[in-house]
Each structure stands twice: as C-alpha cells, then as structure tokens.
Amino acid sequence: MEKKELILGIDDAGRGPVIGPMVLAGCLIDKETESEFKEIGITDSKLLYRKKRTRLCKKIKESAIAYHTHSISPAEIDTGMGIGLNLNEVEALAASIIIKELTKKLSSEDKRNLNIIIDCPSVNNGAWHTHVTKYLKTNSFNIRCEHKADRDHIAVAAASIIAKVTRDGEIEKLKKKIELDFGSGYPSDPKTKDFLKKHINEFKDIHLFRESWATFEHAKENFKVRQSKLPDY
C-alpha cells in the first residue's frame, strides 16, 4: 500500500499592525489536494484580491483534511512583551499549538509521513525552528521553517489565505464594536494613523491597541506634546 504523504502548512496574518490581533493558521492536506489547490489558483494571500481570497478560503476549508486558527490579541502580545517574550517567541508558541491541534488525531504512520512547513517570520530560520520545537517539547516531527514559504508551498499559501480572511473578519467585528473605521490597523495606513492620533487614550477596556508597539509609543508622545501646547484658559 502506497504511503500517503501529508503536508501541514502554517502562516500568519497581521504581524505588523498596531490595531487588532495577529492570526496564525494551519492547513493539513495530502499531495492530491495540493495538486487540486494549485489548479484553482491557491497562492500567497498577499497576491489575491479580498473577494477571491474569501472564495478560495471557503474551498480550502471544504477540501483540507483539517485546518486550525489561533488568534493572538493585542493584550496577549503586550503581556508577552512585558514578561520578556519577543514576538517571534509568541508566534512560535502559537505555531506549536496549531501543530499539536492538527496532529493529535493522526496515526503514528501518518505522523511519520508528515512534512510541516512554516513561513518563518524571523531572519534566523534555525533559531525560530528551535523556539517552535521547544514549545512542542518534541523533535519527532519533520519541521521546515522557510522564508517566502507562502510563495513556494501550496499548503502554506492555503494557510496564509485562512489566516488573512480570519483576521479580516476579526477587524470588521472590532469596527462594528467601536462603531468607528480605523482602516487596516497597519501603521502605514493613513486612516489608521489618523485614528491613532485622535483616539490614543481610548478603548483601553477592550485593549484595542498593541501598546508595546513603537508606533503606539510614538503616537502617545506626540499626543502629550500636542496637549502641552494647548492654551491654558
């Protein structure tokens, strides 16, 4: 009987924003599904328009053996930074959670035939691989951490689409909750910049902002400067 090769791709969305969560997703497929995904145009989510991402995400979820998402809130990111965990370690912990979740029902043989490919967020592939295996507490998995893995591997591209669509949904929920449009949440977005400038001291009850981010700190300092220049009537 031919061994069935399995691929688990993992990628993130929302690593850099000052507003909203970072989302990691894992997508578990076999080689046959990999070929099908390639035919229908599964690729790095950054290369797809929103409408197509959403449509492909539905197809991925229907066809994959399994998938799992893990959302990391601004509060969790700030807490991690506060106790000395940098973002790479926070993300490595989340990746290990996804691996555990998507492999817990696999047989021993399936685990031996599993290749795990992670889009590496760090400049140092080896160091990040060490972080992931540390949180997994096992070296039994075949794990590869690669730069541009969402471009080079279909399973990782599929995970990138799930992560992006999931984060987009979370962002829309936040906008409805506060009844304001803050744009994409990325520091380079003019709408996000303007929102941060106006609302820097608000929404602490829902921990909207990543307050450990340099972008937030700079905005906070600029707000203090503006306030100090107001006339004292």
Foldseek 3Di string as FASTA:
>chain_A
DDQWAKEKAKEWPDPFFFFAKIKMKIFIATPVVQVVLVVVPQFAPVVDDPVVLVVVLVVSCVHTPDMDMDIQTLVNQLVCVVVPHHSLLVVLLVVLVRVCVVCVPPDPSNQQSYEYEYAHPDPDQVVSVVSNCVNNVDPSHHYGYHHPCRHVGSRNSSRNSNNVNVRVVRQVVVCVVVVHDQDPRHLVDPSVVVCCLVALPDDVVVSGGNCVDPSSVVSVVVNVVVVVPDDDD
